[in-house]
Amino acid sequence: MPRTRTLLPERENELSQHYRRWRPALLSFFLKRVHDHAEAEDLTQETFARIFGAAGADTGLHSGYIFQVAANLLRDRARRSKVRADYREMIGALQGQGIDWLDPEKIAADRNALSLLVAGLAELPERTRTIFVLYRIENIDKHLIAESFAISRSAVEKHVARAMMHLMARARKNGQ
């Protein structure tokens, strides 16, 4: 069972007084800087959480301490925003270059497509599969493939075309 911290009634009353006294000033401080009421409310609450949650929170809170905590929260917010903006910018730059980032959904879809391609290749006759792999994957010239199999260049083109037709038909059948 988790331990809960209970405050003495006089301490709770004292913290409520501090809250009522400093909340409007803190809210105004944050609103001038973030221009978003919800964000200003969150930052105000976070300031009080840090001040009141500190071990042995001082009863004699002064404006210098309170606004230093508030300023630190703003700095932390600015740092987080900068990191997020830099990340979005980096991702945008990668998208323009055709480089994919690690997206689990895309990885799973690509693995599925690859397994379908491998299964489609396995269905081809061995000679057609070998010629297709040499030409499309290994980038070997049709003339060299024709020489090594002792067939004409047009026969190589027919094997490649047959393999492509089979793979495209299989992809359409699987909804790719």
N, C-alpha and C. Protein backbone atom coordinates (compact mmCIF):
# COMPACT_ATOMS: atom_id res chain seq x y z
N MET A 1 0.85 -1.18 0.00
CA MET A 1 0.00 0.00 0.00
C MET A 1 0.89 1.24 0.00
N PRO A 2 0.70 2.16 -0.98
CA PRO A 2 1.57 3.33 -1.06
C PRO A 2 1.34 4.27 0.12
N ARG A 3 2.42 4.89 0.52
CA ARG A 3 2.34 5.85 1.61
C ARG A 3 1.83 7.18 1.07
N THR A 4 0.91 7.77 1.78
CA THR A 4 0.43 9.09 1.40
C THR A 4 0.87 10.07 2.46
N ARG A 5 1.21 11.23 2.02
CA ARG A 5 1.67 12.25 2.93
C ARG A 5 0.49 13.12 3.32
N THR A 6 0.23 13.23 4.59
CA THR A 6 -0.85 14.10 5.03
C THR A 6 -0.25 15.32 5.68
N LEU A 7 -0.91 16.43 5.46
CA LEU A 7 -0.44 17.69 6.02
C LEU A 7 -1.23 18.01 7.27
N LEU A 8 -0.57 18.64 8.21
CA LEU A 8 -1.27 19.12 9.38
C LEU A 8 -2.21 20.23 8.93
N PRO A 9 -3.35 20.38 9.58
CA PRO A 9 -4.31 21.40 9.15
C PRO A 9 -3.71 22.80 9.09
N GLU A 10 -2.85 23.16 10.05
CA GLU A 10 -2.28 24.51 10.01
C GLU A 10 -1.31 24.66 8.84
N ARG A 11 -0.56 23.59 8.49
CA ARG A 11 0.36 23.64 7.34
C ARG A 11 -0.43 23.73 6.04
N GLU A 12 -1.52 22.96 5.95
CA GLU A 12 -2.37 23.00 4.76
C GLU A 12 -2.97 24.39 4.58
N ASN A 13 -3.41 25.00 5.64
CA ASN A 13 -3.97 26.35 5.59
C ASN A 13 -2.91 27.35 5.13
N GLU A 14 -1.70 27.18 5.62
CA GLU A 14 -0.59 28.07 5.24
C GLU A 14 -0.28 27.95 3.75
N LEU A 15 -0.25 26.71 3.22
CA LEU A 15 0.01 26.50 1.80
C LEU A 15 -1.12 27.08 0.95
N SER A 16 -2.36 26.94 1.40
CA SER A 16 -3.49 27.53 0.68
C SER A 16 -3.37 29.04 0.61
N GLN A 17 -2.91 29.64 1.69
CA GLN A 17 -2.72 31.09 1.70
C GLN A 17 -1.65 31.50 0.68
N HIS A 18 -0.55 30.76 0.67
CA HIS A 18 0.51 31.05 -0.32
C HIS A 18 -0.03 30.89 -1.74
N TYR A 19 -0.81 29.85 -1.93
CA TYR A 19 -1.37 29.60 -3.26
C TYR A 19 -2.25 30.77 -3.69
N ARG A 20 -3.17 31.18 -2.84
CA ARG A 20 -4.07 32.29 -3.17
C ARG A 20 -3.29 33.59 -3.39
N ARG A 21 -2.23 33.79 -2.63
CA ARG A 21 -1.45 35.02 -2.74
C ARG A 21 -0.65 35.09 -4.05
N TRP A 22 0.03 33.97 -4.40
CA TRP A 22 0.97 33.99 -5.52
C TRP A 22 0.39 33.53 -6.85
N ARG A 23 -0.74 32.84 -6.86
CA ARG A 23 -1.31 32.30 -8.10
C ARG A 23 -1.57 33.39 -9.15
N PRO A 24 -2.26 34.49 -8.82
CA PRO A 24 -2.52 35.49 -9.87
C PRO A 24 -1.22 36.07 -10.48
N ALA A 25 -0.23 36.32 -9.64
CA ALA A 25 1.03 36.88 -10.14
C ALA A 25 1.75 35.87 -11.05
N LEU A 26 1.78 34.61 -10.62
CA LEU A 26 2.43 33.58 -11.44
C LEU A 26 1.69 33.37 -12.76
N LEU A 27 0.36 33.34 -12.69
CA LEU A 27 -0.42 33.15 -13.90
C LEU A 27 -0.16 34.29 -14.89
N SER A 28 -0.12 35.50 -14.38
CA SER A 28 0.18 36.66 -15.22
C SER A 28 1.59 36.56 -15.82
N PHE A 29 2.55 36.17 -14.98
CA PHE A 29 3.94 36.00 -15.41
C PHE A 29 4.01 35.02 -16.60
N PHE A 30 3.34 33.88 -16.46
CA PHE A 30 3.38 32.88 -17.52
C PHE A 30 2.59 33.30 -18.76
N LEU A 31 1.43 33.94 -18.56
CA LEU A 31 0.62 34.36 -19.70
C LEU A 31 1.37 35.34 -20.60
N LYS A 32 2.15 36.23 -19.99
CA LYS A 32 2.92 37.19 -20.78
C LYS A 32 3.98 36.50 -21.63
N ARG A 33 4.39 35.33 -21.23
CA ARG A 33 5.48 34.66 -21.92
C ARG A 33 5.04 33.53 -22.86
N VAL A 34 3.97 32.83 -22.50
CA VAL A 34 3.57 31.69 -23.33
C VAL A 34 2.32 31.96 -24.17
N HIS A 35 1.56 32.98 -23.85
CA HIS A 35 0.38 33.39 -24.63
C HIS A 35 -0.62 32.26 -24.84
N ASP A 36 -0.70 31.35 -23.88
CA ASP A 36 -1.66 30.25 -23.93
C ASP A 36 -2.14 30.02 -22.50
N HIS A 37 -3.44 30.25 -22.27
CA HIS A 37 -3.97 30.19 -20.91
C HIS A 37 -3.80 28.80 -20.29
N ALA A 38 -4.10 27.76 -21.05
CA ALA A 38 -3.98 26.40 -20.52
C ALA A 38 -2.53 26.09 -20.13
N GLU A 39 -1.60 26.49 -20.99
CA GLU A 39 -0.17 26.26 -20.70
C GLU A 39 0.25 27.06 -19.48
N ALA A 40 -0.23 28.31 -19.36
CA ALA A 40 0.09 29.14 -18.20
C ALA A 40 -0.45 28.51 -16.92
N GLU A 41 -1.65 27.95 -16.98
CA GLU A 41 -2.23 27.26 -15.81
C GLU A 41 -1.36 26.06 -15.43
N ASP A 42 -0.96 25.28 -16.42
CA ASP A 42 -0.12 24.11 -16.15
C ASP A 42 1.21 24.52 -15.51
N LEU A 43 1.83 25.56 -16.05
CA LEU A 43 3.10 26.02 -15.50
C LEU A 43 2.93 26.57 -14.08
N THR A 44 1.83 27.24 -13.83
CA THR A 44 1.56 27.75 -12.48
C THR A 44 1.42 26.58 -11.51
N GLN A 45 0.64 25.58 -11.89
CA GLN A 45 0.47 24.40 -11.04
C GLN A 45 1.81 23.70 -10.80
N GLU A 46 2.61 23.57 -11.86
CA GLU A 46 3.92 22.93 -11.73
C GLU A 46 4.83 23.70 -10.79
N THR A 47 4.75 25.03 -10.84
CA THR A 47 5.55 25.86 -9.93
C THR A 47 5.18 25.55 -8.49
N PHE A 48 3.89 25.53 -8.19
CA PHE A 48 3.45 25.24 -6.82
C PHE A 48 3.82 23.81 -6.43
N ALA A 49 3.71 22.89 -7.35
CA ALA A 49 4.07 21.50 -7.04
C ALA A 49 5.55 21.41 -6.66
N ARG A 50 6.39 22.13 -7.35
CA ARG A 50 7.82 22.10 -7.03
C ARG A 50 8.11 22.81 -5.72
N ILE A 51 7.45 23.93 -5.50
CA ILE A 51 7.71 24.68 -4.27
C ILE A 51 7.18 23.93 -3.06
N PHE A 52 5.94 23.47 -3.12
CA PHE A 52 5.33 22.81 -1.97
C PHE A 52 5.81 21.38 -1.81
N GLY A 53 6.28 20.79 -2.89
CA GLY A 53 6.73 19.41 -2.82
C GLY A 53 8.17 19.27 -2.36
N ALA A 54 8.89 20.37 -2.30
CA ALA A 54 10.29 20.31 -1.87
C ALA A 54 10.36 19.84 -0.43
N ALA A 55 11.34 19.03 -0.14
CA ALA A 55 11.51 18.53 1.23
C ALA A 55 11.72 19.71 2.16
N GLY A 56 10.91 19.75 3.20
CA GLY A 56 11.04 20.83 4.17
C GLY A 56 10.71 22.17 3.56
N ALA A 57 9.61 22.24 2.80
CA ALA A 57 9.23 23.49 2.13
C ALA A 57 9.15 24.62 3.15
N ASP A 58 9.80 25.69 2.84
CA ASP A 58 9.91 26.84 3.73
C ASP A 58 8.58 27.57 3.80
N THR A 59 8.22 27.99 5.00
CA THR A 59 6.97 28.73 5.16
C THR A 59 7.15 30.18 4.76
N GLY A 60 8.34 30.70 4.82
CA GLY A 60 8.59 32.09 4.48
C GLY A 60 8.94 32.25 3.01
N LEU A 61 8.02 31.88 2.12
CA LEU A 61 8.28 31.97 0.69
C LEU A 61 8.37 33.44 0.28
N HIS A 62 9.35 33.73 -0.55
CA HIS A 62 9.49 35.10 -1.03
C HIS A 62 9.45 35.10 -2.55
N SER A 63 9.17 36.25 -3.11
CA SER A 63 8.94 36.35 -4.55
C SER A 63 10.16 35.94 -5.36
N GLY A 64 11.36 36.23 -4.87
CA GLY A 64 12.57 35.86 -5.61
C GLY A 64 12.66 34.36 -5.84
N TYR A 65 12.36 33.60 -4.81
CA TYR A 65 12.43 32.14 -4.91
C TYR A 65 11.32 31.63 -5.83
N ILE A 66 10.11 32.12 -5.63
CA ILE A 66 8.97 31.64 -6.42
C ILE A 66 9.19 31.93 -7.90
N PHE A 67 9.61 33.13 -8.23
CA PHE A 67 9.78 33.48 -9.64
C PHE A 67 11.04 32.87 -10.25
N GLN A 68 12.01 32.51 -9.41
CA GLN A 68 13.16 31.77 -9.93
C GLN A 68 12.73 30.37 -10.35
N VAL A 69 11.89 29.72 -9.55
CA VAL A 69 11.34 28.41 -9.92
C VAL A 69 10.54 28.54 -11.21
N ALA A 70 9.72 29.61 -11.31
CA ALA A 70 8.90 29.83 -12.50
C ALA A 70 9.79 30.05 -13.74
N ALA A 71 10.85 30.84 -13.60
CA ALA A 71 11.75 31.09 -14.72
C ALA A 71 12.45 29.80 -15.15
N ASN A 72 12.82 28.97 -14.17
CA ASN A 72 13.45 27.68 -14.50
C ASN A 72 12.49 26.78 -15.28
N LEU A 73 11.22 26.81 -14.91
CA LEU A 73 10.22 26.02 -15.65
C LEU A 73 10.12 26.50 -17.09
N LEU A 74 10.15 27.82 -17.28
CA LEU A 74 10.11 28.35 -18.64
C LEU A 74 11.33 27.92 -19.45
N ARG A 75 12.50 27.93 -18.82
CA ARG A 75 13.72 27.48 -19.52
C ARG A 75 13.61 26.01 -19.91
N ASP A 76 13.11 25.20 -18.96
CA ASP A 76 12.93 23.77 -19.27
C ASP A 76 11.95 23.59 -20.43
N ARG A 77 10.87 24.35 -20.42
CA ARG A 77 9.88 24.29 -21.50
C ARG A 77 10.51 24.68 -22.83
N ALA A 78 11.32 25.73 -22.83
CA ALA A 78 11.97 26.19 -24.06
C ALA A 78 12.94 25.13 -24.58
N ARG A 79 13.69 24.50 -23.68
CA ARG A 79 14.62 23.44 -24.11
C ARG A 79 13.87 22.27 -24.73
N ARG A 80 12.78 21.84 -24.08
CA ARG A 80 11.99 20.73 -24.63
C ARG A 80 11.41 21.10 -25.99
N SER A 81 10.92 22.32 -26.11
CA SER A 81 10.37 22.76 -27.40
C SER A 81 11.43 22.77 -28.48
N LYS A 82 12.64 23.20 -28.14
CA LYS A 82 13.72 23.24 -29.12
C LYS A 82 14.10 21.83 -29.57
N VAL A 83 14.18 20.91 -28.62
CA VAL A 83 14.52 19.52 -28.96
C VAL A 83 13.46 18.95 -29.88
N ARG A 84 12.18 19.19 -29.55
CA ARG A 84 11.10 18.68 -30.40
C ARG A 84 11.12 19.31 -31.79
N ALA A 85 11.36 20.61 -31.84
CA ALA A 85 11.41 21.30 -33.14
C ALA A 85 12.58 20.78 -33.98
N ASP A 86 13.73 20.59 -33.35
CA ASP A 86 14.90 20.06 -34.07
C ASP A 86 14.61 18.67 -34.61
N TYR A 87 13.92 17.85 -33.81
CA TYR A 87 13.57 16.50 -34.25
C TYR A 87 12.61 16.55 -35.44
N ARG A 88 11.58 17.40 -35.34
CA ARG A 88 10.64 17.53 -36.47
C ARG A 88 11.35 18.01 -37.72
N GLU A 89 12.28 18.94 -37.57
CA GLU A 89 13.04 19.45 -38.71
C GLU A 89 13.90 18.35 -39.33
N MET A 90 14.53 17.55 -38.48
CA MET A 90 15.37 16.46 -38.98
C MET A 90 14.52 15.44 -39.74
N ILE A 91 13.37 15.10 -39.19
CA ILE A 91 12.48 14.14 -39.85
C ILE A 91 12.01 14.71 -41.19
N GLY A 92 11.67 15.99 -41.21
CA GLY A 92 11.25 16.63 -42.46
C GLY A 92 12.34 16.59 -43.51
N ALA A 93 13.59 16.80 -43.08
CA ALA A 93 14.71 16.76 -44.02
C ALA A 93 14.91 15.34 -44.55
N LEU A 94 14.74 14.35 -43.68
CA LEU A 94 14.90 12.97 -44.12
C LEU A 94 13.82 12.56 -45.10
N GLN A 95 12.60 13.05 -44.88
CA GLN A 95 11.51 12.71 -45.79
C GLN A 95 11.78 13.24 -47.19
N GLY A 96 12.36 14.42 -47.28
CA GLY A 96 12.67 15.01 -48.57
C GLY A 96 13.75 14.26 -49.32
N GLN A 97 14.58 13.51 -48.60
CA GLN A 97 15.68 12.79 -49.23
C GLN A 97 15.34 11.32 -49.47
N GLY A 98 14.15 10.93 -49.14
CA GLY A 98 13.75 9.54 -49.34
C GLY A 98 14.34 8.60 -48.31
N ILE A 99 14.77 9.13 -47.18
CA ILE A 99 15.32 8.30 -46.11
C ILE A 99 14.22 8.09 -45.08
N ASP A 100 13.97 6.85 -44.73
CA ASP A 100 12.93 6.54 -43.76
C ASP A 100 13.50 6.48 -42.36
N TRP A 101 12.73 6.98 -41.42
CA TRP A 101 13.12 6.85 -40.03
C TRP A 101 12.49 5.58 -39.50
N LEU A 102 12.80 5.22 -38.30
CA LEU A 102 12.32 3.97 -37.74
C LEU A 102 10.87 4.10 -37.32
N ASP A 103 9.99 3.72 -38.21
CA ASP A 103 8.55 3.75 -37.96
C ASP A 103 8.09 2.29 -37.86
N PRO A 104 7.66 1.85 -36.69
CA PRO A 104 7.30 0.43 -36.52
C PRO A 104 6.24 -0.06 -37.51
N GLU A 105 5.27 0.77 -37.80
CA GLU A 105 4.23 0.36 -38.74
C GLU A 105 4.80 0.16 -40.14
N LYS A 106 5.67 1.08 -40.56
CA LYS A 106 6.29 0.97 -41.88
C LYS A 106 7.22 -0.24 -41.93
N ILE A 107 7.94 -0.48 -40.87
CA ILE A 107 8.84 -1.64 -40.82
C ILE A 107 8.05 -2.93 -40.97
N ALA A 108 6.93 -3.03 -40.24
CA ALA A 108 6.10 -4.23 -40.31
C ALA A 108 5.52 -4.41 -41.72
N ALA A 109 5.05 -3.33 -42.32
CA ALA A 109 4.49 -3.41 -43.68
C ALA A 109 5.56 -3.82 -44.68
N ASP A 110 6.76 -3.25 -44.54
CA ASP A 110 7.86 -3.59 -45.46
C ASP A 110 8.29 -5.04 -45.30
N ARG A 111 8.32 -5.53 -44.06
CA ARG A 111 8.67 -6.94 -43.84
C ARG A 111 7.64 -7.86 -44.49
N ASN A 112 6.37 -7.48 -44.37
CA ASN A 112 5.31 -8.27 -44.98
C ASN A 112 5.47 -8.28 -46.51
N ALA A 113 5.73 -7.11 -47.09
CA ALA A 113 5.91 -7.02 -48.54
C ALA A 113 7.12 -7.84 -48.99
N LEU A 114 8.18 -7.79 -48.21
CA LEU A 114 9.38 -8.57 -48.55
C LEU A 114 9.10 -10.07 -48.49
N SER A 115 8.36 -10.50 -47.48
CA SER A 115 8.06 -11.93 -47.40
C SER A 115 7.18 -12.37 -48.56
N LEU A 116 6.25 -11.50 -48.98
CA LEU A 116 5.43 -11.82 -50.15
C LEU A 116 6.28 -11.91 -51.41
N LEU A 117 7.26 -11.02 -51.55
CA LEU A 117 8.16 -11.05 -52.71
C LEU A 117 8.98 -12.35 -52.71
N VAL A 118 9.50 -12.71 -51.57
CA VAL A 118 10.31 -13.94 -51.48
C VAL A 118 9.45 -15.15 -51.81
N ALA A 119 8.21 -15.17 -51.29
CA ALA A 119 7.32 -16.29 -51.60
C ALA A 119 7.00 -16.32 -53.09
N GLY A 120 6.79 -15.15 -53.70
CA GLY A 120 6.52 -15.09 -55.14
C GLY A 120 7.71 -15.57 -55.95
N LEU A 121 8.91 -15.19 -55.53
CA LEU A 121 10.10 -15.66 -56.23
C LEU A 121 10.25 -17.17 -56.12
N ALA A 122 9.89 -17.72 -54.96
CA ALA A 122 10.02 -19.17 -54.76
C ALA A 122 9.08 -19.95 -55.68
N GLU A 123 7.99 -19.33 -56.12
CA GLU A 123 7.03 -19.99 -57.01
C GLU A 123 7.51 -20.05 -58.45
N LEU A 124 8.49 -19.25 -58.79
CA LEU A 124 9.00 -19.21 -60.17
C LEU A 124 9.87 -20.44 -60.46
N PRO A 125 9.94 -20.81 -61.75
CA PRO A 125 10.90 -21.86 -62.11
C PRO A 125 12.32 -21.38 -61.77
N GLU A 126 13.18 -22.30 -61.43
CA GLU A 126 14.52 -21.94 -60.95
C GLU A 126 15.29 -21.06 -61.94
N ARG A 127 15.26 -21.41 -63.19
CA ARG A 127 16.01 -20.64 -64.18
C ARG A 127 15.46 -19.21 -64.30
N THR A 128 14.14 -19.05 -64.34
CA THR A 128 13.52 -17.72 -64.43
C THR A 128 13.86 -16.91 -63.18
N ARG A 129 13.77 -17.56 -62.03
CA ARG A 129 14.08 -16.88 -60.76
C ARG A 129 15.53 -16.41 -60.75
N THR A 130 16.46 -17.25 -61.17
CA THR A 130 17.88 -16.90 -61.17
C THR A 130 18.16 -15.75 -62.13
N ILE A 131 17.60 -15.82 -63.31
CA ILE A 131 17.80 -14.74 -64.29
C ILE A 131 17.22 -13.43 -63.75
N PHE A 132 16.03 -13.49 -63.17
CA PHE A 132 15.40 -12.28 -62.61
C PHE A 132 16.26 -11.67 -61.49
N VAL A 133 16.72 -12.51 -60.59
CA VAL A 133 17.55 -12.02 -59.48
C VAL A 133 18.85 -11.42 -60.01
N LEU A 134 19.48 -12.08 -60.97
CA LEU A 134 20.72 -11.54 -61.53
C LEU A 134 20.50 -10.18 -62.18
N TYR A 135 19.39 -10.04 -62.91
CA TYR A 135 19.16 -8.79 -63.62
C TYR A 135 18.62 -7.68 -62.70
N ARG A 136 17.56 -7.96 -61.96
CA ARG A 136 16.89 -6.92 -61.18
C ARG A 136 17.55 -6.63 -59.82
N ILE A 137 18.13 -7.62 -59.22
CA ILE A 137 18.70 -7.41 -57.88
C ILE A 137 20.21 -7.21 -57.94
N GLU A 138 20.88 -8.04 -58.72
CA GLU A 138 22.33 -7.96 -58.81
C GLU A 138 22.80 -6.95 -59.88
N ASN A 139 21.88 -6.46 -60.68
CA ASN A 139 22.18 -5.46 -61.72
C ASN A 139 23.23 -5.93 -62.74
N ILE A 140 23.13 -7.16 -63.12
CA ILE A 140 24.05 -7.71 -64.12
C ILE A 140 23.45 -7.47 -65.51
N ASP A 141 24.28 -7.11 -66.45
CA ASP A 141 23.85 -6.79 -67.80
C ASP A 141 23.20 -8.01 -68.47
N LYS A 142 22.16 -7.76 -69.26
CA LYS A 142 21.44 -8.84 -69.95
C LYS A 142 22.36 -9.65 -70.85
N HIS A 143 23.30 -8.97 -71.48
CA HIS A 143 24.23 -9.65 -72.38
C HIS A 143 25.07 -10.69 -71.62
N LEU A 144 25.56 -10.32 -70.43
CA LEU A 144 26.36 -11.26 -69.62
C LEU A 144 25.52 -12.42 -69.13
N ILE A 145 24.29 -12.15 -68.76
CA ILE A 145 23.40 -13.23 -68.31
C ILE A 145 23.13 -14.18 -69.47
N ALA A 146 22.87 -13.62 -70.66
CA ALA A 146 22.61 -14.45 -71.84
C ALA A 146 23.80 -15.34 -72.15
N GLU A 147 25.02 -14.78 -72.05
CA GLU A 147 26.22 -15.59 -72.32
C GLU A 147 26.37 -16.71 -71.29
N SER A 148 26.16 -16.41 -70.03
CA SER A 148 26.38 -17.42 -68.99
C SER A 148 25.34 -18.53 -69.05
N PHE A 149 24.13 -18.28 -69.56
CA PHE A 149 23.10 -19.31 -69.67
C PHE A 149 23.02 -19.89 -71.09
N ALA A 150 23.87 -19.36 -71.98
CA ALA A 150 23.89 -19.80 -73.38
C ALA A 150 22.51 -19.65 -74.02
N ILE A 151 21.92 -18.47 -73.81
CA ILE A 151 20.64 -18.15 -74.43
C ILE A 151 20.75 -16.77 -75.05
N SER A 152 19.74 -16.38 -75.82
CA SER A 152 19.77 -15.06 -76.45
C SER A 152 19.38 -13.97 -75.44
N ARG A 153 19.71 -12.77 -75.83
CA ARG A 153 19.37 -11.62 -74.97
C ARG A 153 17.85 -11.48 -74.86
N SER A 154 17.13 -11.75 -75.95
CA SER A 154 15.66 -11.64 -75.90
C SER A 154 15.07 -12.72 -74.99
N ALA A 155 15.73 -13.87 -74.87
CA ALA A 155 15.26 -14.91 -73.95
C ALA A 155 15.41 -14.43 -72.50
N VAL A 156 16.50 -13.71 -72.22
CA VAL A 156 16.69 -13.14 -70.88
C VAL A 156 15.56 -12.15 -70.60
N GLU A 157 15.24 -11.30 -71.59
CA GLU A 157 14.16 -10.32 -71.43
C GLU A 157 12.82 -11.00 -71.18
N LYS A 158 12.59 -12.13 -71.84
CA LYS A 158 11.34 -12.87 -71.65
C LYS A 158 11.27 -13.48 -70.26
N HIS A 159 12.37 -14.00 -69.75
CA HIS A 159 12.40 -14.55 -68.39
C HIS A 159 12.11 -13.44 -67.37
N VAL A 160 12.75 -12.29 -67.56
CA VAL A 160 12.55 -11.16 -66.65
C VAL A 160 11.10 -10.70 -66.71
N ALA A 161 10.55 -10.59 -67.91
CA ALA A 161 9.16 -10.14 -68.08
C ALA A 161 8.20 -11.14 -67.44
N ARG A 162 8.45 -12.42 -67.63
CA ARG A 162 7.60 -13.46 -67.04
C ARG A 162 7.63 -13.38 -65.51
N ALA A 163 8.80 -13.19 -64.97
CA ALA A 163 8.93 -13.07 -63.51
C ALA A 163 8.20 -11.82 -63.00
N MET A 164 8.35 -10.71 -63.71
CA MET A 164 7.68 -9.47 -63.31
C MET A 164 6.17 -9.63 -63.36
N MET A 165 5.66 -10.26 -64.40
CA MET A 165 4.22 -10.46 -64.52
C MET A 165 3.71 -11.32 -63.37
N HIS A 166 4.45 -12.37 -63.04
CA HIS A 166 4.04 -13.25 -61.94
C HIS A 166 4.04 -12.50 -60.61
N LEU A 167 5.08 -11.73 -60.35
CA LEU A 167 5.19 -11.01 -59.08
C LEU A 167 4.13 -9.91 -58.97
N MET A 168 3.86 -9.21 -60.07
CA MET A 168 2.82 -8.17 -60.05
C MET A 168 1.43 -8.77 -59.86
N ALA A 169 1.15 -9.90 -60.51
CA ALA A 169 -0.14 -10.56 -60.33
C ALA A 169 -0.31 -11.02 -58.90
N ARG A 170 0.76 -11.54 -58.32
CA ARG A 170 0.70 -12.00 -56.92
C ARG A 170 0.50 -10.82 -55.97
N ALA A 171 1.14 -9.70 -56.26
CA ALA A 171 0.99 -8.51 -55.42
C ALA A 171 -0.43 -7.98 -55.50
N ARG A 172 -1.03 -7.97 -56.71
CA ARG A 172 -2.41 -7.50 -56.84
C ARG A 172 -3.35 -8.43 -56.07
N LYS A 173 -3.08 -9.73 -56.16
CA LYS A 173 -3.92 -10.71 -55.47
C LYS A 173 -3.87 -10.50 -53.95
N ASN A 174 -2.72 -10.12 -53.45
CA ASN A 174 -2.55 -9.91 -52.00
C ASN A 174 -2.87 -8.48 -51.57
N GLY A 175 -3.34 -7.66 -52.50
CA GLY A 175 -3.73 -6.30 -52.16
C GLY A 175 -2.58 -5.35 -51.93
N GLN A 176 -1.44 -5.60 -52.52
CA GLN A 176 -0.28 -4.74 -52.34
C GLN A 176 -0.34 -3.63 -53.30
